[in-house]
Amino acid sequence: MKIKTKYLGEVEIDREKVIAFPHGIPGFIEEKEFVLLDLPDNPVFQILQSINTQQLAFIVTAPYQFNSSYEVELDKAILDVLEINEEQEVVILAIISLKEPFEKSTINLQAPLVINNRNCMGKQFITNNKRYGTKEPINVESISSSEKGD
């Protein structure tokens, strides 16, 4: 199927890759279907694009790219809602708030996106862990080393 995207124009997606967010994403509860798209020539970031609303797209990344000690403990409720049975099914992503210049951009480590890659279900999980904030600075040097494959 073809969708119109915020950053990549019109793209063809596989319907089986659509991620269902049964409760939406906080602030966008009516939006329930998204797809992860790769950013061309950028192995660090991806786009979480609504399949229904062209202008609704989030830049996301694995939080471990910027905080190697990052941990999130999923509670039973989220494991049940997303039907997670094994650790290998879990993908954790964090939303980036882009700023100009890029060095002022932040990452939300307190409310990661949890995706079950087996059944393509997702939810934004708001942690109770206060050691992570919603606007953590991005370490630009960690991006450079990730892109080089270090």
N, C-alpha and C. Protein backbone atom coordinates (compact mmCIF):
# COMPACT_ATOMS: atom_id res chain seq x y z
N MET A 1 0.84 -1.18 0.00
CA MET A 1 0.00 0.00 0.00
C MET A 1 0.88 1.24 0.00
N LYS A 2 0.38 2.33 -0.56
CA LYS A 2 1.13 3.58 -0.61
C LYS A 2 0.58 4.54 0.45
N ILE A 3 1.52 5.25 1.09
CA ILE A 3 1.13 6.29 2.04
C ILE A 3 1.94 7.54 1.74
N LYS A 4 1.40 8.68 2.15
CA LYS A 4 2.12 9.95 2.04
C LYS A 4 2.78 10.20 3.39
N THR A 5 4.07 10.56 3.35
CA THR A 5 4.82 10.75 4.58
C THR A 5 5.29 12.19 4.72
N LYS A 6 5.61 12.53 5.94
CA LYS A 6 6.07 13.89 6.24
C LYS A 6 7.45 14.17 5.64
N TYR A 7 8.35 13.19 5.72
CA TYR A 7 9.74 13.43 5.34
C TYR A 7 10.16 12.79 4.02
N LEU A 8 9.47 11.75 3.58
CA LEU A 8 9.95 10.98 2.43
C LEU A 8 9.01 11.01 1.23
N GLY A 9 7.97 11.84 1.28
CA GLY A 9 7.00 11.87 0.18
C GLY A 9 6.14 10.61 0.20
N GLU A 10 5.74 10.17 -0.96
CA GLU A 10 4.90 8.97 -1.05
C GLU A 10 5.80 7.74 -1.07
N VAL A 11 5.47 6.77 -0.22
CA VAL A 11 6.26 5.53 -0.16
C VAL A 11 5.33 4.33 -0.16
N GLU A 12 5.87 3.24 -0.61
CA GLU A 12 5.16 1.96 -0.60
C GLU A 12 5.54 1.25 0.70
N ILE A 13 4.53 0.78 1.43
CA ILE A 13 4.80 0.03 2.66
C ILE A 13 4.10 -1.32 2.61
N ASP A 14 4.64 -2.22 3.39
CA ASP A 14 4.05 -3.54 3.52
C ASP A 14 3.01 -3.47 4.64
N ARG A 15 1.77 -3.79 4.36
CA ARG A 15 0.68 -3.72 5.36
C ARG A 15 1.03 -4.54 6.61
N GLU A 16 1.79 -5.61 6.43
CA GLU A 16 2.17 -6.46 7.57
C GLU A 16 3.16 -5.78 8.50
N LYS A 17 3.78 -4.69 8.07
CA LYS A 17 4.75 -3.96 8.91
C LYS A 17 4.11 -2.83 9.69
N VAL A 18 2.81 -2.63 9.53
CA VAL A 18 2.11 -1.57 10.26
C VAL A 18 2.04 -1.95 11.73
N ILE A 19 2.42 -1.00 12.57
CA ILE A 19 2.41 -1.20 14.02
C ILE A 19 1.14 -0.59 14.59
N ALA A 20 0.37 -1.42 15.28
CA ALA A 20 -0.87 -0.96 15.90
C ALA A 20 -0.58 -0.43 17.30
N PHE A 21 -1.03 0.77 17.56
CA PHE A 21 -0.99 1.36 18.89
C PHE A 21 -2.46 1.43 19.33
N PRO A 22 -2.97 0.37 19.99
CA PRO A 22 -4.40 0.29 20.30
C PRO A 22 -4.94 1.49 21.08
N HIS A 23 -4.09 2.13 21.87
CA HIS A 23 -4.52 3.28 22.67
C HIS A 23 -3.95 4.59 22.12
N GLY A 24 -3.42 4.55 20.89
CA GLY A 24 -2.79 5.72 20.33
C GLY A 24 -1.49 6.04 21.05
N ILE A 25 -0.99 7.23 20.82
CA ILE A 25 0.20 7.73 21.50
C ILE A 25 -0.27 8.96 22.27
N PRO A 26 0.16 9.13 23.53
CA PRO A 26 -0.31 10.31 24.29
C PRO A 26 -0.20 11.59 23.46
N GLY A 27 -1.29 12.32 23.42
CA GLY A 27 -1.38 13.53 22.62
C GLY A 27 -1.94 13.27 21.23
N PHE A 28 -1.96 12.00 20.83
CA PHE A 28 -2.45 11.61 19.51
C PHE A 28 -3.24 10.32 19.63
N ILE A 29 -4.20 10.28 20.57
CA ILE A 29 -4.87 9.01 20.88
C ILE A 29 -5.73 8.49 19.73
N GLU A 30 -6.09 9.38 18.80
CA GLU A 30 -6.88 8.91 17.66
C GLU A 30 -6.02 8.22 16.60
N GLU A 31 -4.71 8.40 16.68
CA GLU A 31 -3.79 7.79 15.71
C GLU A 31 -3.36 6.41 16.23
N LYS A 32 -3.75 5.38 15.52
CA LYS A 32 -3.53 4.02 16.02
C LYS A 32 -2.65 3.16 15.14
N GLU A 33 -2.26 3.65 13.95
CA GLU A 33 -1.45 2.85 13.05
C GLU A 33 -0.25 3.64 12.54
N PHE A 34 0.93 3.06 12.72
CA PHE A 34 2.18 3.70 12.34
C PHE A 34 3.06 2.68 11.63
N VAL A 35 4.06 3.19 10.95
CA VAL A 35 5.06 2.32 10.33
C VAL A 35 6.43 2.94 10.59
N LEU A 36 7.42 2.07 10.79
CA LEU A 36 8.80 2.54 10.96
C LEU A 36 9.46 2.60 9.59
N LEU A 37 10.01 3.76 9.28
CA LEU A 37 10.69 3.95 8.01
C LEU A 37 12.14 4.34 8.27
N ASP A 38 13.03 3.81 7.48
CA ASP A 38 14.44 4.16 7.61
C ASP A 38 14.68 5.53 7.00
N LEU A 39 15.57 6.28 7.63
CA LEU A 39 16.03 7.54 7.05
C LEU A 39 17.17 7.19 6.09
N PRO A 40 17.11 7.63 4.87
CA PRO A 40 18.18 7.31 3.93
C PRO A 40 19.54 7.77 4.46
N ASP A 41 20.52 6.88 4.34
CA ASP A 41 21.91 7.18 4.73
C ASP A 41 22.06 7.57 6.20
N ASN A 42 21.17 7.06 7.05
CA ASN A 42 21.27 7.37 8.48
C ASN A 42 20.92 6.12 9.28
N PRO A 43 21.93 5.41 9.79
CA PRO A 43 21.67 4.18 10.54
C PRO A 43 21.22 4.41 11.98
N VAL A 44 21.22 5.65 12.45
CA VAL A 44 20.92 5.94 13.85
C VAL A 44 19.44 6.23 14.08
N PHE A 45 18.82 6.96 13.17
CA PHE A 45 17.45 7.41 13.36
C PHE A 45 16.49 6.74 12.39
N GLN A 46 15.23 6.61 12.81
CA GLN A 46 14.16 6.14 11.95
C GLN A 46 12.99 7.11 12.10
N ILE A 47 11.99 6.93 11.25
CA ILE A 47 10.78 7.74 11.30
C ILE A 47 9.63 6.82 11.70
N LEU A 48 8.89 7.21 12.74
CA LEU A 48 7.65 6.53 13.09
C LEU A 48 6.55 7.37 12.48
N GLN A 49 6.02 6.91 11.35
CA GLN A 49 5.09 7.66 10.53
C GLN A 49 3.68 7.13 10.70
N SER A 50 2.73 8.03 10.96
CA SER A 50 1.32 7.65 10.94
C SER A 50 0.97 7.24 9.52
N ILE A 51 0.20 6.16 9.36
CA ILE A 51 -0.19 5.77 8.01
C ILE A 51 -1.43 6.54 7.55
N ASN A 52 -2.09 7.24 8.47
CA ASN A 52 -3.31 7.97 8.13
C ASN A 52 -3.13 9.48 8.03
N THR A 53 -2.14 10.03 8.74
CA THR A 53 -1.94 11.48 8.78
C THR A 53 -0.53 11.80 8.32
N GLN A 54 -0.42 12.36 7.13
CA GLN A 54 0.88 12.62 6.52
C GLN A 54 1.81 13.43 7.42
N GLN A 55 1.30 14.46 8.08
CA GLN A 55 2.15 15.36 8.85
C GLN A 55 2.52 14.83 10.24
N LEU A 56 2.00 13.65 10.62
CA LEU A 56 2.32 13.11 11.94
C LEU A 56 3.42 12.05 11.82
N ALA A 57 4.61 12.47 12.21
CA ALA A 57 5.76 11.57 12.16
C ALA A 57 6.73 11.96 13.27
N PHE A 58 7.30 10.96 13.90
CA PHE A 58 8.26 11.17 14.98
C PHE A 58 9.61 10.63 14.54
N ILE A 59 10.67 11.35 14.86
CA ILE A 59 12.01 10.82 14.67
C ILE A 59 12.31 10.01 15.92
N VAL A 60 12.72 8.75 15.72
CA VAL A 60 12.96 7.85 16.85
C VAL A 60 14.33 7.19 16.70
N THR A 61 14.80 6.65 17.81
CA THR A 61 16.07 5.94 17.81
C THR A 61 16.10 4.96 18.98
N ALA A 62 17.02 4.03 18.92
CA ALA A 62 17.25 3.15 20.06
C ALA A 62 17.92 4.00 21.15
N PRO A 63 17.37 4.06 22.34
CA PRO A 63 17.93 4.93 23.38
C PRO A 63 19.35 4.55 23.77
N TYR A 64 19.71 3.31 23.53
CA TYR A 64 21.04 2.82 23.91
C TYR A 64 22.14 3.48 23.08
N GLN A 65 21.77 4.08 21.95
CA GLN A 65 22.73 4.82 21.13
C GLN A 65 23.31 6.00 21.90
N PHE A 66 22.52 6.53 22.83
CA PHE A 66 22.91 7.75 23.53
C PHE A 66 23.15 7.54 25.02
N ASN A 67 22.70 6.41 25.54
CA ASN A 67 22.87 6.11 26.95
C ASN A 67 23.05 4.60 27.07
N SER A 68 24.30 4.16 27.08
CA SER A 68 24.57 2.71 27.06
C SER A 68 24.08 2.00 28.31
N SER A 69 23.84 2.73 29.39
CA SER A 69 23.35 2.09 30.61
C SER A 69 21.83 2.21 30.75
N TYR A 70 21.17 2.68 29.71
CA TYR A 70 19.72 2.85 29.76
C TYR A 70 19.02 1.53 30.04
N GLU A 71 18.09 1.57 30.96
CA GLU A 71 17.30 0.39 31.31
C GLU A 71 15.85 0.80 31.47
N VAL A 72 14.97 -0.08 31.05
CA VAL A 72 13.55 0.14 31.27
C VAL A 72 12.97 -1.20 31.72
N GLU A 73 12.26 -1.15 32.84
CA GLU A 73 11.63 -2.36 33.36
C GLU A 73 10.15 -2.32 33.02
N LEU A 74 9.74 -3.25 32.17
CA LEU A 74 8.35 -3.28 31.74
C LEU A 74 7.49 -3.98 32.78
N ASP A 75 6.36 -3.38 33.11
CA ASP A 75 5.49 -4.00 34.11
C ASP A 75 4.56 -5.02 33.44
N LYS A 76 3.89 -5.79 34.25
CA LYS A 76 3.03 -6.88 33.75
C LYS A 76 1.93 -6.34 32.84
N ALA A 77 1.41 -5.17 33.15
CA ALA A 77 0.32 -4.60 32.35
C ALA A 77 0.76 -4.39 30.90
N ILE A 78 1.93 -3.82 30.69
CA ILE A 78 2.37 -3.58 29.30
C ILE A 78 2.73 -4.88 28.61
N LEU A 79 3.30 -5.82 29.37
CA LEU A 79 3.60 -7.14 28.78
C LEU A 79 2.32 -7.81 28.31
N ASP A 80 1.25 -7.68 29.11
CA ASP A 80 -0.03 -8.28 28.75
C ASP A 80 -0.68 -7.57 27.57
N VAL A 81 -0.72 -6.23 27.60
CA VAL A 81 -1.37 -5.46 26.54
C VAL A 81 -0.70 -5.73 25.19
N LEU A 82 0.63 -5.82 25.18
CA LEU A 82 1.35 -6.03 23.93
C LEU A 82 1.59 -7.51 23.63
N GLU A 83 1.10 -8.37 24.52
CA GLU A 83 1.24 -9.82 24.35
C GLU A 83 2.70 -10.23 24.19
N ILE A 84 3.56 -9.65 25.02
CA ILE A 84 4.99 -9.95 24.99
C ILE A 84 5.25 -11.20 25.82
N ASN A 85 5.88 -12.19 25.19
CA ASN A 85 6.21 -13.43 25.87
C ASN A 85 7.70 -13.62 26.07
N GLU A 86 8.50 -13.03 25.19
CA GLU A 86 9.95 -13.21 25.26
C GLU A 86 10.65 -11.88 25.04
N GLU A 87 11.81 -11.73 25.66
CA GLU A 87 12.59 -10.50 25.53
C GLU A 87 12.94 -10.19 24.08
N GLN A 88 13.15 -11.21 23.26
CA GLN A 88 13.53 -11.02 21.86
C GLN A 88 12.42 -10.34 21.04
N GLU A 89 11.21 -10.33 21.55
CA GLU A 89 10.09 -9.71 20.83
C GLU A 89 10.05 -8.19 21.02
N VAL A 90 10.82 -7.68 21.98
CA VAL A 90 10.71 -6.29 22.39
C VAL A 90 11.69 -5.38 21.65
N VAL A 91 11.14 -4.29 21.11
CA VAL A 91 11.94 -3.22 20.53
C VAL A 91 11.63 -1.97 21.35
N ILE A 92 12.67 -1.31 21.84
CA ILE A 92 12.51 -0.08 22.61
C ILE A 92 13.04 1.08 21.76
N LEU A 93 12.22 2.10 21.59
CA LEU A 93 12.62 3.29 20.85
C LEU A 93 12.32 4.52 21.68
N ALA A 94 13.06 5.58 21.44
CA ALA A 94 12.82 6.85 22.12
C ALA A 94 12.56 7.92 21.08
N ILE A 95 11.67 8.84 21.42
CA ILE A 95 11.31 9.93 20.51
C ILE A 95 12.31 11.08 20.68
N ILE A 96 12.75 11.59 19.55
CA ILE A 96 13.67 12.73 19.51
C ILE A 96 12.86 13.99 19.25
N SER A 97 13.17 15.05 20.00
CA SER A 97 12.60 16.38 19.72
C SER A 97 13.69 17.16 18.99
N LEU A 98 13.49 17.36 17.70
CA LEU A 98 14.49 18.05 16.89
C LEU A 98 14.47 19.54 17.14
N LYS A 99 15.67 20.10 17.24
CA LYS A 99 15.83 21.54 17.46
C LYS A 99 16.89 22.06 16.50
N GLU A 100 16.90 23.36 16.32
CA GLU A 100 17.96 24.03 15.54
C GLU A 100 18.82 24.81 16.51
N PRO A 101 20.13 24.64 16.51
CA PRO A 101 20.88 23.63 15.78
C PRO A 101 20.63 22.24 16.38
N PHE A 102 21.01 21.22 15.65
CA PHE A 102 20.73 19.84 16.04
C PHE A 102 21.27 19.53 17.45
N GLU A 103 22.36 20.13 17.83
CA GLU A 103 22.98 19.88 19.14
C GLU A 103 22.04 20.20 20.30
N LYS A 104 21.00 20.99 20.04
CA LYS A 104 20.03 21.33 21.08
C LYS A 104 18.85 20.36 21.12
N SER A 105 18.84 19.38 20.24
CA SER A 105 17.78 18.38 20.21
C SER A 105 17.83 17.55 21.49
N THR A 106 16.68 16.98 21.85
CA THR A 106 16.60 16.17 23.07
C THR A 106 15.96 14.81 22.76
N ILE A 107 16.13 13.90 23.71
CA ILE A 107 15.58 12.56 23.59
C ILE A 107 14.73 12.27 24.83
N ASN A 108 13.58 11.65 24.62
CA ASN A 108 12.68 11.32 25.72
C ASN A 108 13.00 9.92 26.22
N LEU A 109 13.73 9.85 27.33
CA LEU A 109 14.09 8.55 27.91
C LEU A 109 13.09 8.10 28.97
N GLN A 110 12.21 8.99 29.41
CA GLN A 110 11.25 8.62 30.44
C GLN A 110 10.01 7.93 29.87
N ALA A 111 9.75 8.12 28.60
CA ALA A 111 8.54 7.52 28.01
C ALA A 111 8.88 6.85 26.68
N PRO A 112 9.58 5.72 26.73
CA PRO A 112 9.96 5.05 25.49
C PRO A 112 8.76 4.41 24.79
N LEU A 113 8.93 4.16 23.51
CA LEU A 113 7.96 3.38 22.76
C LEU A 113 8.37 1.92 22.89
N VAL A 114 7.42 1.09 23.25
CA VAL A 114 7.67 -0.34 23.37
C VAL A 114 6.90 -1.02 22.25
N ILE A 115 7.60 -1.80 21.44
CA ILE A 115 6.97 -2.45 20.30
C ILE A 115 7.24 -3.95 20.37
N ASN A 116 6.18 -4.72 20.20
CA ASN A 116 6.32 -6.17 20.08
C ASN A 116 6.51 -6.44 18.59
N ASN A 117 7.73 -6.84 18.21
CA ASN A 117 8.01 -7.01 16.78
C ASN A 117 7.43 -8.31 16.21
N ARG A 118 6.89 -9.16 17.06
CA ARG A 118 6.25 -10.39 16.59
C ARG A 118 4.84 -10.11 16.08
N ASN A 119 4.06 -9.34 16.86
CA ASN A 119 2.67 -9.09 16.47
C ASN A 119 2.42 -7.64 16.03
N CYS A 120 3.48 -6.84 15.96
CA CYS A 120 3.39 -5.44 15.50
C CYS A 120 2.40 -4.62 16.32
N MET A 121 2.52 -4.72 17.64
CA MET A 121 1.73 -3.89 18.55
C MET A 121 2.68 -3.00 19.35
N GLY A 122 2.24 -1.77 19.62
CA GLY A 122 3.10 -0.85 20.34
C GLY A 122 2.34 -0.01 21.34
N LYS A 123 3.12 0.59 22.23
CA LYS A 123 2.56 1.47 23.26
C LYS A 123 3.67 2.38 23.76
N GLN A 124 3.34 3.63 24.05
CA GLN A 124 4.31 4.48 24.72
C GLN A 124 4.20 4.18 26.20
N PHE A 125 5.33 3.83 26.80
CA PHE A 125 5.37 3.39 28.19
C PHE A 125 5.98 4.50 29.04
N ILE A 126 5.19 5.06 29.92
CA ILE A 126 5.68 6.13 30.79
C ILE A 126 6.22 5.47 32.06
N THR A 127 7.54 5.56 32.20
CA THR A 127 8.19 4.89 33.33
C THR A 127 8.06 5.73 34.59
N ASN A 128 8.24 5.09 35.71
CA ASN A 128 8.28 5.80 36.98
C ASN A 128 9.71 6.11 37.39
N ASN A 129 10.66 5.75 36.53
CA ASN A 129 12.07 5.94 36.83
C ASN A 129 12.44 7.41 36.63
N LYS A 130 12.69 8.09 37.73
CA LYS A 130 12.96 9.54 37.67
C LYS A 130 14.40 9.86 37.29
N ARG A 131 15.23 8.83 37.08
CA ARG A 131 16.60 9.15 36.68
C ARG A 131 16.67 9.51 35.20
N TYR A 132 15.57 9.26 34.48
CA TYR A 132 15.50 9.62 33.07
C TYR A 132 14.47 10.73 32.90
N GLY A 133 14.80 11.68 32.03
CA GLY A 133 13.88 12.78 31.78
C GLY A 133 13.25 12.69 30.40
N THR A 134 12.31 13.59 30.16
CA THR A 134 11.64 13.63 28.86
C THR A 134 12.43 14.48 27.86
N LYS A 135 13.40 15.24 28.36
CA LYS A 135 14.20 16.12 27.48
C LYS A 135 15.68 15.99 27.80
N GLU A 136 16.19 14.76 27.66
CA GLU A 136 17.61 14.52 27.90
C GLU A 136 18.42 15.05 26.70
N PRO A 137 19.56 15.68 26.97
CA PRO A 137 20.38 16.15 25.85
C PRO A 137 20.92 14.97 25.03
N ILE A 138 21.09 15.22 23.76
CA ILE A 138 21.67 14.22 22.87
C ILE A 138 23.17 14.45 22.79
N ASN A 139 23.90 13.37 22.96
CA ASN A 139 25.36 13.44 22.83
C ASN A 139 25.69 13.25 21.35
N VAL A 140 26.00 14.34 20.67
CA VAL A 140 26.25 14.30 19.23
C VAL A 140 27.45 13.42 18.91
N GLU A 141 28.43 13.37 19.80
CA GLU A 141 29.61 12.53 19.54
C GLU A 141 29.23 11.06 19.46
N SER A 142 28.23 10.63 20.22
CA SER A 142 27.82 9.23 20.16
C SER A 142 27.17 8.91 18.81
N ILE A 143 26.54 9.91 18.17
CA ILE A 143 25.96 9.71 16.84
C ILE A 143 27.08 9.50 15.84
N SER A 144 28.10 10.33 15.91
CA SER A 144 29.20 10.23 14.96
C SER A 144 29.87 8.88 15.03
N SER A 145 30.11 8.37 16.23
CA SER A 145 30.76 7.07 16.35
C SER A 145 29.84 5.94 15.91
N SER A 146 28.52 6.09 16.12
CA SER A 146 27.56 5.07 15.67
C SER A 146 27.51 5.01 14.15
N GLU A 147 27.53 6.16 13.51
CA GLU A 147 27.47 6.20 12.05
C GLU A 147 28.70 5.60 11.42
N LYS A 148 29.84 5.73 12.11
CA LYS A 148 31.08 5.17 11.58
C LYS A 148 31.19 3.68 11.86
N GLY A 149 30.27 3.15 12.71
CA GLY A 149 30.32 1.74 13.04
C GLY A 149 31.29 1.43 14.16
N ASP A 150 31.69 2.44 14.95
CA ASP A 150 32.61 2.23 16.07
C ASP A 150 31.93 1.52 17.20
